[in-house]
Amino acid sequence: MRLVEGLRAGDASVRLRAALAAGTAPDPGVVDALVERCGVEPDFFVRDMLSWALTRLPAEVTVPRLRAELASGRGQARSQALHTLSKIGDPAGWAAITRALLRDADDEVARSAWRAAVVLVPDGERAGLARELASQLGRGDREVRLSLSRALVALGEVIEPVLAAALAGDDPEVRAHARATERIFHDPDAAFAPSVEEAKRIVALGPKRAGEAAR
C-alpha cells in the first residue's frame, strides 16, 4: 500500500523511488498500479522506471494486462503499453499490435507501435509489416517521418520492394519520404533532414533532370 501511494505522490522524486522499489522487489500484486500509472505519469524518467519495473515481473502477468491497456482511450496509456511490450519482448505481444495501432491518429501512439512491431514481428511476418508501415510514408513532421524510416530500415531487405512501389507512386511527399528512407537504408550514417530535402529536389526535377543537375 505504501508503494502504491508513492506512485501517486505529488513529488516526482518520490514516484521515481517508488517505481525503483517496485522493480527491485518485483511483486505481481502491483502490476495494475504500475500499468495504470504509466498511462498518466507526466515525468519521462518516472515512466521509464515504471516500464523497467514491469519488465521485472513475469511476462504471463504483465503481457495480458498491457494488451488490455492498448484499448485505452488515453493516447499515453496506449503508447506506454506498446513501449513496455517492446521492452519485455514476449512473442505474445505481437498479436496485440493491430493495423489500427500502426495507423493510430495519435503520432506518439503510432511511433510506439512502429518501434514495438519491428522488435516483436516474427520472421514470416516481416514483409507484411513492411507493406503496412509503407502505407504511412509521407505522414507527419520530421520526427514522425524519421521514426517511420528507422522502423522500416530495421526490417532489412524486405523493405526494398515496398520502397520501390512508393517511389513509383503519385504522391510527392510519399516519394520524398521513400527516397530518404532508401538512402538511410543504404547509408545508415546519412543525416535524415538532408536526405529529405535532396529527395524532394529529385522528385521536383524528375530523375533525368536531377541526374543532369548533379553532374
N, C-alpha and C. Protein backbone atom coordinates (compact mmCIF):
# COMPACT_ATOMS: atom_id res chain seq x y z
N MET A 1 0.83 -1.20 0.00
CA MET A 1 0.00 0.00 0.00
C MET A 1 0.87 1.25 0.00
N ARG A 2 1.98 1.22 0.75
CA ARG A 2 2.86 2.38 0.78
C ARG A 2 3.47 2.62 -0.59
N LEU A 3 3.83 1.54 -1.30
CA LEU A 3 4.41 1.69 -2.63
C LEU A 3 3.39 2.29 -3.59
N VAL A 4 2.17 1.83 -3.55
CA VAL A 4 1.12 2.37 -4.43
C VAL A 4 0.89 3.85 -4.13
N GLU A 5 0.91 4.21 -2.88
CA GLU A 5 0.76 5.63 -2.51
C GLU A 5 1.93 6.44 -3.04
N GLY A 6 3.14 5.85 -3.00
CA GLY A 6 4.32 6.54 -3.51
C GLY A 6 4.22 6.80 -5.00
N LEU A 7 3.63 5.87 -5.75
CA LEU A 7 3.47 6.05 -7.19
C LEU A 7 2.54 7.21 -7.52
N ARG A 8 1.69 7.58 -6.58
CA ARG A 8 0.72 8.65 -6.81
C ARG A 8 1.12 9.96 -6.13
N ALA A 9 2.31 9.99 -5.55
CA ALA A 9 2.75 11.18 -4.81
C ALA A 9 2.90 12.38 -5.74
N GLY A 10 2.77 13.58 -5.16
CA GLY A 10 2.90 14.79 -5.96
C GLY A 10 4.33 15.08 -6.39
N ASP A 11 5.30 14.59 -5.64
CA ASP A 11 6.72 14.82 -5.92
C ASP A 11 7.24 13.73 -6.87
N ALA A 12 7.78 14.14 -8.01
CA ALA A 12 8.27 13.17 -9.00
C ALA A 12 9.38 12.30 -8.44
N SER A 13 10.22 12.86 -7.55
CA SER A 13 11.32 12.07 -6.99
C SER A 13 10.79 10.94 -6.11
N VAL A 14 9.68 11.20 -5.44
CA VAL A 14 9.05 10.15 -4.63
C VAL A 14 8.49 9.07 -5.53
N ARG A 15 7.86 9.47 -6.62
CA ARG A 15 7.30 8.50 -7.57
C ARG A 15 8.41 7.67 -8.20
N LEU A 16 9.54 8.32 -8.50
CA LEU A 16 10.68 7.61 -9.09
C LEU A 16 11.20 6.55 -8.13
N ARG A 17 11.33 6.90 -6.86
CA ARG A 17 11.82 5.94 -5.86
C ARG A 17 10.83 4.78 -5.71
N ALA A 18 9.55 5.08 -5.77
CA ALA A 18 8.54 4.02 -5.65
C ALA A 18 8.63 3.06 -6.84
N ALA A 19 8.81 3.61 -8.03
CA ALA A 19 8.93 2.75 -9.22
C ALA A 19 10.19 1.91 -9.14
N LEU A 20 11.28 2.50 -8.65
CA LEU A 20 12.53 1.75 -8.48
C LEU A 20 12.34 0.62 -7.48
N ALA A 21 11.64 0.91 -6.39
CA ALA A 21 11.39 -0.12 -5.38
C ALA A 21 10.54 -1.25 -5.97
N ALA A 22 9.58 -0.89 -6.83
CA ALA A 22 8.72 -1.91 -7.43
C ALA A 22 9.52 -2.85 -8.32
N GLY A 23 10.53 -2.31 -9.00
CA GLY A 23 11.35 -3.16 -9.85
C GLY A 23 12.41 -3.92 -9.09
N THR A 24 12.86 -3.37 -8.00
CA THR A 24 13.91 -4.01 -7.20
C THR A 24 13.37 -5.23 -6.46
N ALA A 25 12.13 -5.14 -6.01
CA ALA A 25 11.48 -6.26 -5.32
C ALA A 25 10.17 -6.56 -6.04
N PRO A 26 10.23 -7.24 -7.21
CA PRO A 26 9.04 -7.44 -8.04
C PRO A 26 7.91 -8.16 -7.30
N ASP A 27 6.72 -7.60 -7.44
CA ASP A 27 5.53 -8.16 -6.79
C ASP A 27 4.39 -8.12 -7.79
N PRO A 28 3.92 -9.27 -8.29
CA PRO A 28 2.82 -9.28 -9.25
C PRO A 28 1.57 -8.57 -8.76
N GLY A 29 1.47 -8.40 -7.46
CA GLY A 29 0.30 -7.74 -6.90
C GLY A 29 0.19 -6.26 -7.22
N VAL A 30 1.29 -5.65 -7.71
CA VAL A 30 1.25 -4.22 -8.02
C VAL A 30 1.21 -3.95 -9.52
N VAL A 31 1.02 -5.01 -10.34
CA VAL A 31 1.04 -4.80 -11.78
C VAL A 31 -0.01 -3.80 -12.24
N ASP A 32 -1.22 -3.87 -11.66
CA ASP A 32 -2.27 -2.93 -12.07
C ASP A 32 -1.88 -1.50 -11.75
N ALA A 33 -1.30 -1.29 -10.57
CA ALA A 33 -0.90 0.05 -10.16
C ALA A 33 0.19 0.60 -11.08
N LEU A 34 1.13 -0.24 -11.48
CA LEU A 34 2.21 0.19 -12.36
C LEU A 34 1.68 0.55 -13.75
N VAL A 35 0.84 -0.30 -14.30
CA VAL A 35 0.29 -0.05 -15.64
C VAL A 35 -0.58 1.20 -15.63
N GLU A 36 -1.41 1.32 -14.63
CA GLU A 36 -2.29 2.49 -14.55
C GLU A 36 -1.48 3.77 -14.45
N ARG A 37 -0.40 3.73 -13.68
CA ARG A 37 0.42 4.94 -13.52
C ARG A 37 1.13 5.28 -14.82
N CYS A 38 1.53 4.28 -15.58
CA CYS A 38 2.16 4.54 -16.88
C CYS A 38 1.27 5.41 -17.76
N GLY A 39 -0.03 5.21 -17.66
CA GLY A 39 -0.96 5.92 -18.54
C GLY A 39 -1.16 7.37 -18.21
N VAL A 40 -0.73 7.80 -17.02
CA VAL A 40 -0.97 9.19 -16.61
C VAL A 40 0.29 9.89 -16.13
N GLU A 41 1.39 9.18 -15.96
CA GLU A 41 2.61 9.76 -15.40
C GLU A 41 3.19 10.83 -16.34
N PRO A 42 3.37 12.07 -15.84
CA PRO A 42 3.86 13.14 -16.71
C PRO A 42 5.38 13.19 -16.86
N ASP A 43 6.11 12.57 -15.95
CA ASP A 43 7.57 12.67 -15.95
C ASP A 43 8.19 11.52 -16.76
N PHE A 44 9.02 11.86 -17.74
CA PHE A 44 9.62 10.85 -18.61
C PHE A 44 10.43 9.83 -17.82
N PHE A 45 11.26 10.29 -16.88
CA PHE A 45 12.14 9.38 -16.15
C PHE A 45 11.34 8.43 -15.27
N VAL A 46 10.25 8.92 -14.71
CA VAL A 46 9.40 8.04 -13.91
C VAL A 46 8.73 7.01 -14.81
N ARG A 47 8.24 7.45 -15.97
CA ARG A 47 7.62 6.49 -16.90
C ARG A 47 8.61 5.40 -17.29
N ASP A 48 9.85 5.80 -17.54
CA ASP A 48 10.86 4.83 -17.94
C ASP A 48 11.11 3.83 -16.81
N MET A 49 11.13 4.31 -15.60
CA MET A 49 11.33 3.42 -14.45
C MET A 49 10.13 2.50 -14.25
N LEU A 50 8.94 3.02 -14.50
CA LEU A 50 7.74 2.19 -14.41
C LEU A 50 7.80 1.04 -15.42
N SER A 51 8.22 1.36 -16.64
CA SER A 51 8.35 0.30 -17.66
C SER A 51 9.39 -0.73 -17.24
N TRP A 52 10.51 -0.25 -16.69
CA TRP A 52 11.54 -1.17 -16.22
C TRP A 52 10.98 -2.08 -15.13
N ALA A 53 10.23 -1.51 -14.21
CA ALA A 53 9.65 -2.31 -13.13
C ALA A 53 8.72 -3.39 -13.68
N LEU A 54 7.99 -3.06 -14.74
CA LEU A 54 7.09 -4.05 -15.34
C LEU A 54 7.87 -5.16 -16.03
N THR A 55 9.03 -4.83 -16.59
CA THR A 55 9.84 -5.87 -17.23
C THR A 55 10.41 -6.86 -16.22
N ARG A 56 10.42 -6.48 -14.97
CA ARG A 56 10.96 -7.34 -13.92
C ARG A 56 9.93 -8.38 -13.44
N LEU A 57 8.68 -8.20 -13.85
CA LEU A 57 7.63 -9.13 -13.47
C LEU A 57 7.49 -10.23 -14.53
N PRO A 58 6.89 -11.37 -14.18
CA PRO A 58 6.71 -12.44 -15.16
C PRO A 58 5.86 -11.97 -16.35
N ALA A 59 6.27 -12.35 -17.55
CA ALA A 59 5.55 -11.93 -18.76
C ALA A 59 4.10 -12.40 -18.75
N GLU A 60 3.86 -13.56 -18.15
CA GLU A 60 2.48 -14.06 -18.14
C GLU A 60 1.56 -13.19 -17.28
N VAL A 61 2.15 -12.37 -16.44
CA VAL A 61 1.38 -11.43 -15.62
C VAL A 61 1.23 -10.09 -16.34
N THR A 62 2.33 -9.60 -16.90
CA THR A 62 2.33 -8.25 -17.46
C THR A 62 1.73 -8.17 -18.86
N VAL A 63 2.04 -9.12 -19.72
CA VAL A 63 1.62 -9.00 -21.13
C VAL A 63 0.11 -8.93 -21.28
N PRO A 64 -0.68 -9.80 -20.65
CA PRO A 64 -2.14 -9.66 -20.79
C PRO A 64 -2.65 -8.31 -20.29
N ARG A 65 -2.07 -7.80 -19.22
CA ARG A 65 -2.51 -6.51 -18.68
C ARG A 65 -2.14 -5.38 -19.63
N LEU A 66 -0.97 -5.45 -20.22
CA LEU A 66 -0.55 -4.41 -21.17
C LEU A 66 -1.36 -4.49 -22.46
N ARG A 67 -1.68 -5.68 -22.91
CA ARG A 67 -2.51 -5.82 -24.11
C ARG A 67 -3.88 -5.21 -23.89
N ALA A 68 -4.43 -5.37 -22.70
CA ALA A 68 -5.73 -4.76 -22.39
C ALA A 68 -5.63 -3.24 -22.41
N GLU A 69 -4.48 -2.72 -22.01
CA GLU A 69 -4.28 -1.26 -21.96
C GLU A 69 -4.26 -0.64 -23.36
N LEU A 70 -4.00 -1.43 -24.37
CA LEU A 70 -3.96 -0.91 -25.74
C LEU A 70 -5.33 -0.45 -26.23
N ALA A 71 -6.37 -0.81 -25.51
CA ALA A 71 -7.72 -0.36 -25.85
C ALA A 71 -8.10 0.92 -25.11
N SER A 72 -7.17 1.46 -24.33
CA SER A 72 -7.46 2.66 -23.55
C SER A 72 -7.77 3.85 -24.45
N GLY A 73 -8.60 4.74 -23.95
CA GLY A 73 -8.90 5.97 -24.67
C GLY A 73 -7.83 7.03 -24.52
N ARG A 74 -6.84 6.80 -23.65
CA ARG A 74 -5.74 7.74 -23.44
C ARG A 74 -4.55 7.35 -24.33
N GLY A 75 -4.12 8.30 -25.14
CA GLY A 75 -3.00 8.03 -26.02
C GLY A 75 -1.76 7.63 -25.27
N GLN A 76 -1.46 8.28 -24.16
CA GLN A 76 -0.26 7.95 -23.40
C GLN A 76 -0.31 6.52 -22.88
N ALA A 77 -1.50 6.08 -22.48
CA ALA A 77 -1.63 4.72 -21.98
C ALA A 77 -1.31 3.71 -23.08
N ARG A 78 -1.82 3.95 -24.28
CA ARG A 78 -1.55 3.04 -25.40
C ARG A 78 -0.07 3.07 -25.77
N SER A 79 0.48 4.29 -25.85
CA SER A 79 1.88 4.44 -26.24
C SER A 79 2.82 3.76 -25.25
N GLN A 80 2.58 3.98 -23.96
CA GLN A 80 3.47 3.40 -22.96
C GLN A 80 3.32 1.89 -22.87
N ALA A 81 2.11 1.39 -23.08
CA ALA A 81 1.92 -0.06 -23.08
C ALA A 81 2.69 -0.70 -24.24
N LEU A 82 2.65 -0.07 -25.40
CA LEU A 82 3.41 -0.57 -26.54
C LEU A 82 4.91 -0.54 -26.27
N HIS A 83 5.36 0.57 -25.70
CA HIS A 83 6.78 0.70 -25.36
C HIS A 83 7.21 -0.42 -24.41
N THR A 84 6.40 -0.68 -23.40
CA THR A 84 6.76 -1.70 -22.42
C THR A 84 6.71 -3.10 -23.02
N LEU A 85 5.74 -3.35 -23.89
CA LEU A 85 5.69 -4.65 -24.57
C LEU A 85 6.96 -4.88 -25.39
N SER A 86 7.46 -3.83 -26.02
CA SER A 86 8.69 -3.98 -26.80
C SER A 86 9.87 -4.27 -25.89
N LYS A 87 9.88 -3.70 -24.70
CA LYS A 87 10.97 -3.95 -23.75
C LYS A 87 10.91 -5.37 -23.19
N ILE A 88 9.70 -5.87 -22.97
CA ILE A 88 9.55 -7.23 -22.46
C ILE A 88 9.96 -8.24 -23.53
N GLY A 89 9.56 -7.96 -24.78
CA GLY A 89 9.98 -8.80 -25.89
C GLY A 89 9.30 -10.15 -25.98
N ASP A 90 8.19 -10.34 -25.29
CA ASP A 90 7.49 -11.61 -25.34
C ASP A 90 6.75 -11.75 -26.67
N PRO A 91 6.87 -12.89 -27.35
CA PRO A 91 6.21 -13.06 -28.66
C PRO A 91 4.70 -12.84 -28.62
N ALA A 92 4.09 -13.05 -27.47
CA ALA A 92 2.64 -12.86 -27.36
C ALA A 92 2.24 -11.41 -27.59
N GLY A 93 3.19 -10.49 -27.46
CA GLY A 93 2.88 -9.09 -27.67
C GLY A 93 2.60 -8.75 -29.13
N TRP A 94 3.14 -9.54 -30.05
CA TRP A 94 2.98 -9.26 -31.48
C TRP A 94 1.50 -9.24 -31.89
N ALA A 95 0.74 -10.20 -31.40
CA ALA A 95 -0.67 -10.31 -31.80
C ALA A 95 -1.48 -9.09 -31.38
N ALA A 96 -0.99 -8.34 -30.43
CA ALA A 96 -1.73 -7.16 -29.94
C ALA A 96 -1.48 -5.92 -30.78
N ILE A 97 -0.49 -5.96 -31.67
CA ILE A 97 -0.16 -4.78 -32.47
C ILE A 97 -0.99 -4.82 -33.75
N THR A 98 -2.11 -4.15 -33.71
CA THR A 98 -3.08 -4.19 -34.80
C THR A 98 -2.79 -3.11 -35.84
N ARG A 99 -3.45 -3.25 -36.98
CA ARG A 99 -3.36 -2.22 -38.01
C ARG A 99 -3.83 -0.87 -37.46
N ALA A 100 -4.86 -0.91 -36.63
CA ALA A 100 -5.38 0.34 -36.05
C ALA A 100 -4.31 1.06 -35.24
N LEU A 101 -3.50 0.32 -34.50
CA LEU A 101 -2.43 0.94 -33.71
C LEU A 101 -1.32 1.46 -34.61
N LEU A 102 -0.98 0.72 -35.65
CA LEU A 102 0.07 1.15 -36.57
C LEU A 102 -0.35 2.40 -37.34
N ARG A 103 -1.67 2.63 -37.42
CA ARG A 103 -2.19 3.80 -38.12
C ARG A 103 -2.87 4.78 -37.16
N ASP A 104 -2.61 4.64 -35.88
CA ASP A 104 -3.27 5.46 -34.86
C ASP A 104 -3.15 6.95 -35.20
N ALA A 105 -4.24 7.68 -34.98
CA ALA A 105 -4.23 9.11 -35.29
C ALA A 105 -3.28 9.89 -34.39
N ASP A 106 -3.00 9.36 -33.22
CA ASP A 106 -2.04 9.97 -32.30
C ASP A 106 -0.63 9.57 -32.75
N ASP A 107 0.17 10.55 -33.15
CA ASP A 107 1.50 10.25 -33.68
C ASP A 107 2.37 9.49 -32.69
N GLU A 108 2.28 9.83 -31.41
CA GLU A 108 3.12 9.15 -30.42
C GLU A 108 2.73 7.69 -30.27
N VAL A 109 1.44 7.40 -30.37
CA VAL A 109 1.00 6.00 -30.31
C VAL A 109 1.49 5.26 -31.54
N ALA A 110 1.32 5.86 -32.71
CA ALA A 110 1.77 5.21 -33.95
C ALA A 110 3.27 4.96 -33.91
N ARG A 111 4.05 5.93 -33.46
CA ARG A 111 5.51 5.75 -33.40
C ARG A 111 5.87 4.61 -32.44
N SER A 112 5.19 4.54 -31.31
CA SER A 112 5.44 3.45 -30.37
C SER A 112 5.07 2.10 -30.98
N ALA A 113 3.97 2.09 -31.75
CA ALA A 113 3.54 0.85 -32.40
C ALA A 113 4.56 0.41 -33.45
N TRP A 114 5.10 1.37 -34.21
CA TRP A 114 6.10 1.02 -35.22
C TRP A 114 7.33 0.41 -34.56
N ARG A 115 7.80 1.06 -33.48
CA ARG A 115 9.01 0.56 -32.81
C ARG A 115 8.76 -0.82 -32.20
N ALA A 116 7.61 -0.99 -31.56
CA ALA A 116 7.30 -2.28 -30.94
C ALA A 116 7.15 -3.37 -32.00
N ALA A 117 6.52 -3.02 -33.11
CA ALA A 117 6.27 -4.01 -34.16
C ALA A 117 7.56 -4.60 -34.71
N VAL A 118 8.55 -3.75 -34.97
CA VAL A 118 9.79 -4.27 -35.57
C VAL A 118 10.59 -5.10 -34.57
N VAL A 119 10.36 -4.90 -33.29
CA VAL A 119 11.02 -5.71 -32.26
C VAL A 119 10.34 -7.08 -32.15
N LEU A 120 9.01 -7.10 -32.25
CA LEU A 120 8.24 -8.31 -31.94
C LEU A 120 7.85 -9.14 -33.16
N VAL A 121 7.95 -8.59 -34.34
CA VAL A 121 7.45 -9.28 -35.54
C VAL A 121 8.16 -10.61 -35.77
N PRO A 122 7.40 -11.68 -36.01
CA PRO A 122 8.03 -12.96 -36.40
C PRO A 122 8.64 -12.84 -37.80
N ASP A 123 9.62 -13.66 -38.10
CA ASP A 123 10.30 -13.58 -39.39
C ASP A 123 9.33 -13.69 -40.56
N GLY A 124 8.34 -14.56 -40.44
CA GLY A 124 7.41 -14.76 -41.54
C GLY A 124 6.45 -13.61 -41.78
N GLU A 125 6.42 -12.66 -40.87
CA GLU A 125 5.50 -11.52 -40.98
C GLU A 125 6.21 -10.23 -41.36
N ARG A 126 7.51 -10.28 -41.56
CA ARG A 126 8.27 -9.06 -41.78
C ARG A 126 7.87 -8.34 -43.08
N ALA A 127 7.66 -9.09 -44.15
CA ALA A 127 7.28 -8.46 -45.42
C ALA A 127 5.91 -7.79 -45.30
N GLY A 128 4.98 -8.44 -44.63
CA GLY A 128 3.66 -7.85 -44.44
C GLY A 128 3.72 -6.59 -43.60
N LEU A 129 4.55 -6.62 -42.57
CA LEU A 129 4.72 -5.43 -41.74
C LEU A 129 5.35 -4.30 -42.56
N ALA A 130 6.30 -4.62 -43.41
CA ALA A 130 6.92 -3.60 -44.25
C ALA A 130 5.88 -2.92 -45.13
N ARG A 131 4.97 -3.70 -45.70
CA ARG A 131 3.91 -3.12 -46.53
C ARG A 131 3.00 -2.21 -45.71
N GLU A 132 2.68 -2.65 -44.50
CA GLU A 132 1.80 -1.84 -43.65
C GLU A 132 2.48 -0.54 -43.23
N LEU A 133 3.74 -0.61 -42.85
CA LEU A 133 4.46 0.60 -42.46
C LEU A 133 4.61 1.55 -43.64
N ALA A 134 4.83 0.99 -44.82
CA ALA A 134 5.00 1.84 -46.00
C ALA A 134 3.73 2.62 -46.32
N SER A 135 2.58 2.13 -45.85
CA SER A 135 1.34 2.87 -46.08
C SER A 135 1.33 4.20 -45.33
N GLN A 136 2.25 4.38 -44.40
CA GLN A 136 2.31 5.61 -43.61
C GLN A 136 3.40 6.57 -44.10
N LEU A 137 4.08 6.22 -45.18
CA LEU A 137 5.08 7.13 -45.73
C LEU A 137 4.45 8.47 -46.10
N GLY A 138 5.17 9.54 -45.77
CA GLY A 138 4.66 10.88 -46.02
C GLY A 138 3.88 11.47 -44.86
N ARG A 139 3.72 10.71 -43.80
CA ARG A 139 2.93 11.15 -42.65
C ARG A 139 3.76 12.01 -41.71
N GLY A 140 3.14 13.07 -41.18
CA GLY A 140 3.68 13.79 -40.03
C GLY A 140 4.86 14.69 -40.30
N ASP A 141 5.45 15.16 -39.19
CA ASP A 141 6.59 16.07 -39.26
C ASP A 141 7.90 15.27 -39.35
N ARG A 142 9.01 16.00 -39.24
CA ARG A 142 10.32 15.37 -39.40
C ARG A 142 10.52 14.22 -38.43
N GLU A 143 10.16 14.41 -37.15
CA GLU A 143 10.40 13.37 -36.15
C GLU A 143 9.56 12.13 -36.42
N VAL A 144 8.32 12.34 -36.84
CA VAL A 144 7.46 11.20 -37.15
C VAL A 144 8.03 10.44 -38.34
N ARG A 145 8.43 11.16 -39.37
CA ARG A 145 8.96 10.51 -40.57
C ARG A 145 10.28 9.78 -40.27
N LEU A 146 11.10 10.37 -39.45
CA LEU A 146 12.36 9.71 -39.08
C LEU A 146 12.08 8.42 -38.32
N SER A 147 11.10 8.43 -37.42
CA SER A 147 10.74 7.22 -36.68
C SER A 147 10.29 6.12 -37.62
N LEU A 148 9.47 6.50 -38.61
CA LEU A 148 8.99 5.50 -39.56
C LEU A 148 10.14 4.96 -40.41
N SER A 149 11.01 5.85 -40.86
CA SER A 149 12.16 5.40 -41.65
C SER A 149 13.03 4.43 -40.86
N ARG A 150 13.28 4.74 -39.61
CA ARG A 150 14.11 3.86 -38.78
C ARG A 150 13.44 2.50 -38.60
N ALA A 151 12.12 2.51 -38.40
CA ALA A 151 11.40 1.25 -38.25
C ALA A 151 11.50 0.42 -39.52
N LEU A 152 11.30 1.05 -40.66
CA LEU A 152 11.41 0.34 -41.93
C LEU A 152 12.82 -0.22 -42.14
N VAL A 153 13.81 0.60 -41.91
CA VAL A 153 15.20 0.17 -42.10
C VAL A 153 15.53 -1.03 -41.20
N ALA A 154 14.97 -1.06 -40.01
CA ALA A 154 15.22 -2.16 -39.08
C ALA A 154 14.70 -3.49 -39.60
N LEU A 155 13.77 -3.45 -40.55
CA LEU A 155 13.21 -4.69 -41.10
C LEU A 155 14.14 -5.34 -42.13
N GLY A 156 15.11 -4.60 -42.62
CA GLY A 156 16.07 -5.17 -43.55
C GLY A 156 15.61 -5.16 -45.00
N GLU A 157 16.09 -6.14 -45.76
CA GLU A 157 15.91 -6.14 -47.21
C GLU A 157 14.46 -6.26 -47.65
N VAL A 158 13.57 -6.71 -46.79
CA VAL A 158 12.16 -6.85 -47.20
C VAL A 158 11.53 -5.50 -47.54
N ILE A 159 12.19 -4.40 -47.16
CA ILE A 159 11.60 -3.08 -47.46
C ILE A 159 11.89 -2.62 -48.89
N GLU A 160 12.82 -3.24 -49.56
CA GLU A 160 13.19 -2.75 -50.89
C GLU A 160 12.03 -2.75 -51.88
N PRO A 161 11.21 -3.81 -51.98
CA PRO A 161 10.07 -3.76 -52.91
C PRO A 161 9.04 -2.69 -52.54
N VAL A 162 8.80 -2.48 -51.25
CA VAL A 162 7.77 -1.51 -50.87
C VAL A 162 8.27 -0.09 -51.10
N LEU A 163 9.56 0.14 -50.92
CA LEU A 163 10.12 1.46 -51.23
C LEU A 163 10.07 1.71 -52.73
N ALA A 164 10.36 0.68 -53.52
CA ALA A 164 10.29 0.84 -54.97
C ALA A 164 8.89 1.19 -55.41
N ALA A 165 7.89 0.55 -54.80
CA ALA A 165 6.50 0.85 -55.14
C ALA A 165 6.14 2.28 -54.74
N ALA A 166 6.61 2.71 -53.57
CA ALA A 166 6.32 4.08 -53.11
C ALA A 166 6.98 5.11 -54.02
N LEU A 167 8.18 4.80 -54.48
CA LEU A 167 8.89 5.72 -55.37
C LEU A 167 8.22 5.85 -56.73
N ALA A 168 7.42 4.86 -57.09
CA ALA A 168 6.71 4.89 -58.37
C ALA A 168 5.32 5.49 -58.24
N GLY A 169 4.94 5.90 -57.04
CA GLY A 169 3.61 6.43 -56.81
C GLY A 169 3.44 7.87 -57.25
N ASP A 170 2.24 8.40 -57.03
CA ASP A 170 1.90 9.75 -57.49
C ASP A 170 2.12 10.83 -56.43
N ASP A 171 2.17 10.45 -55.16
CA ASP A 171 2.24 11.44 -54.09
C ASP A 171 3.69 11.90 -53.89
N PRO A 172 4.00 13.19 -54.11
CA PRO A 172 5.38 13.65 -53.99
C PRO A 172 5.93 13.55 -52.57
N GLU A 173 5.07 13.72 -51.55
CA GLU A 173 5.53 13.59 -50.17
C GLU A 173 5.92 12.15 -49.86
N VAL A 174 5.12 11.23 -50.35
CA VAL A 174 5.43 9.80 -50.15
C VAL A 174 6.72 9.44 -50.87
N ARG A 175 6.88 9.92 -52.10
CA ARG A 175 8.09 9.60 -52.85
C ARG A 175 9.33 10.18 -52.17
N ALA A 176 9.22 11.41 -51.68
CA ALA A 176 10.36 12.03 -51.00
C ALA A 176 10.73 11.26 -49.73
N HIS A 177 9.73 10.85 -48.98
CA HIS A 177 9.98 10.11 -47.74
C HIS A 177 10.59 8.73 -48.07
N ALA A 178 10.06 8.09 -49.11
CA ALA A 178 10.59 6.79 -49.51
C ALA A 178 12.05 6.90 -49.96
N ARG A 179 12.37 7.95 -50.71
CA ARG A 179 13.74 8.11 -51.18
C ARG A 179 14.69 8.38 -50.00
N ALA A 180 14.24 9.20 -49.04
CA ALA A 180 15.06 9.46 -47.86
C ALA A 180 15.30 8.17 -47.07
N THR A 181 14.25 7.35 -46.97
CA THR A 181 14.37 6.07 -46.27
C THR A 181 15.33 5.15 -47.00
N GLU A 182 15.23 5.12 -48.32
CA GLU A 182 16.12 4.30 -49.14
C GLU A 182 17.57 4.71 -48.93
N ARG A 183 17.81 6.01 -48.87
CA ARG A 183 19.18 6.49 -48.67
C ARG A 183 19.71 6.05 -47.31
N ILE A 184 18.89 6.16 -46.28
CA ILE A 184 19.32 5.74 -44.94
C ILE A 184 19.56 4.23 -44.90
N PHE A 185 18.73 3.48 -45.62
CA PHE A 185 18.90 2.02 -45.67
C PHE A 185 20.27 1.65 -46.24
N HIS A 186 20.69 2.34 -47.27
CA HIS A 186 21.96 2.03 -47.91
C HIS A 186 23.14 2.73 -47.23
N ASP A 187 22.84 3.80 -46.48
CA ASP A 187 23.90 4.53 -45.76
C ASP A 187 23.36 4.93 -44.40
N PRO A 188 23.46 4.04 -43.40
CA PRO A 188 22.88 4.31 -42.07
C PRO A 188 23.38 5.59 -41.41
N ASP A 189 24.55 6.08 -41.83
CA ASP A 189 25.09 7.30 -41.22
C ASP A 189 24.57 8.57 -41.90
N ALA A 190 23.76 8.41 -42.93
CA ALA A 190 23.24 9.58 -43.64
C ALA A 190 22.31 10.37 -42.73
N ALA A 191 22.42 11.69 -42.78
CA ALA A 191 21.53 12.55 -41.99
C ALA A 191 20.16 12.56 -42.65
N PHE A 192 19.12 12.54 -41.81
CA PHE A 192 17.76 12.43 -42.35
C PHE A 192 17.29 13.70 -43.03
N ALA A 193 17.48 14.87 -42.40
CA ALA A 193 16.96 16.11 -42.97
C ALA A 193 17.53 16.38 -44.36
N PRO A 194 18.86 16.31 -44.56
CA PRO A 194 19.37 16.48 -45.92
C PRO A 194 18.83 15.44 -46.89
N SER A 195 18.59 14.22 -46.40
CA SER A 195 18.03 13.18 -47.26
C SER A 195 16.65 13.59 -47.76
N VAL A 196 15.85 14.13 -46.86
CA VAL A 196 14.50 14.55 -47.24
C VAL A 196 14.56 15.68 -48.25
N GLU A 197 15.41 16.66 -47.99
CA GLU A 197 15.50 17.81 -48.90
C GLU A 197 16.01 17.38 -50.27
N GLU A 198 17.00 16.50 -50.28
CA GLU A 198 17.52 16.01 -51.56
C GLU A 198 16.44 15.21 -52.29
N ALA A 199 15.71 14.40 -51.53
CA ALA A 199 14.66 13.60 -52.15
C ALA A 199 13.57 14.48 -52.75
N LYS A 200 13.21 15.54 -52.05
CA LYS A 200 12.19 16.45 -52.58
C LYS A 200 12.69 17.12 -53.86
N ARG A 201 13.99 17.46 -53.88
CA ARG A 201 14.55 18.10 -55.08
C ARG A 201 14.50 17.12 -56.26
N ILE A 202 14.84 15.87 -56.00
CA ILE A 202 14.82 14.85 -57.05
C ILE A 202 13.40 14.65 -57.57
N VAL A 203 12.45 14.60 -56.64
CA VAL A 203 11.05 14.42 -57.03
C VAL A 203 10.59 15.59 -57.87
N ALA A 204 10.98 16.81 -57.48
CA ALA A 204 10.55 18.01 -58.20
C ALA A 204 11.15 18.06 -59.60
N LEU A 205 12.41 17.68 -59.73
CA LEU A 205 13.08 17.76 -61.02
C LEU A 205 12.73 16.59 -61.94
N GLY A 206 12.45 15.44 -61.30
CA GLY A 206 12.33 14.22 -62.09
C GLY A 206 13.69 13.56 -62.15
N PRO A 207 13.76 12.23 -62.20
CA PRO A 207 15.05 11.53 -62.13
C PRO A 207 16.05 11.99 -63.20
N LYS A 208 15.60 12.20 -64.45
CA LYS A 208 16.52 12.55 -65.52
C LYS A 208 17.13 13.91 -65.28
N ARG A 209 16.30 14.91 -64.97
CA ARG A 209 16.81 16.25 -64.74
C ARG A 209 17.67 16.33 -63.50
N ALA A 210 17.30 15.55 -62.46
CA ALA A 210 18.11 15.55 -61.25
C ALA A 210 19.50 15.01 -61.53
N GLY A 211 19.59 13.97 -62.39
CA GLY A 211 20.88 13.43 -62.73
C GLY A 211 21.72 14.42 -63.50
N GLU A 212 21.08 15.19 -64.37
CA GLU A 212 21.80 16.22 -65.11
C GLU A 212 22.31 17.32 -64.19
N ALA A 213 21.47 17.70 -63.18
CA ALA A 213 21.85 18.76 -62.25
C ALA A 213 23.01 18.33 -61.37
N ALA A 214 23.10 17.03 -61.09
CA ALA A 214 24.17 16.54 -60.21
C ALA A 214 25.52 16.53 -60.91
N ARG A 215 25.51 16.51 -62.26
CA ARG A 215 26.79 16.45 -62.99
C ARG A 215 27.45 17.82 -63.12
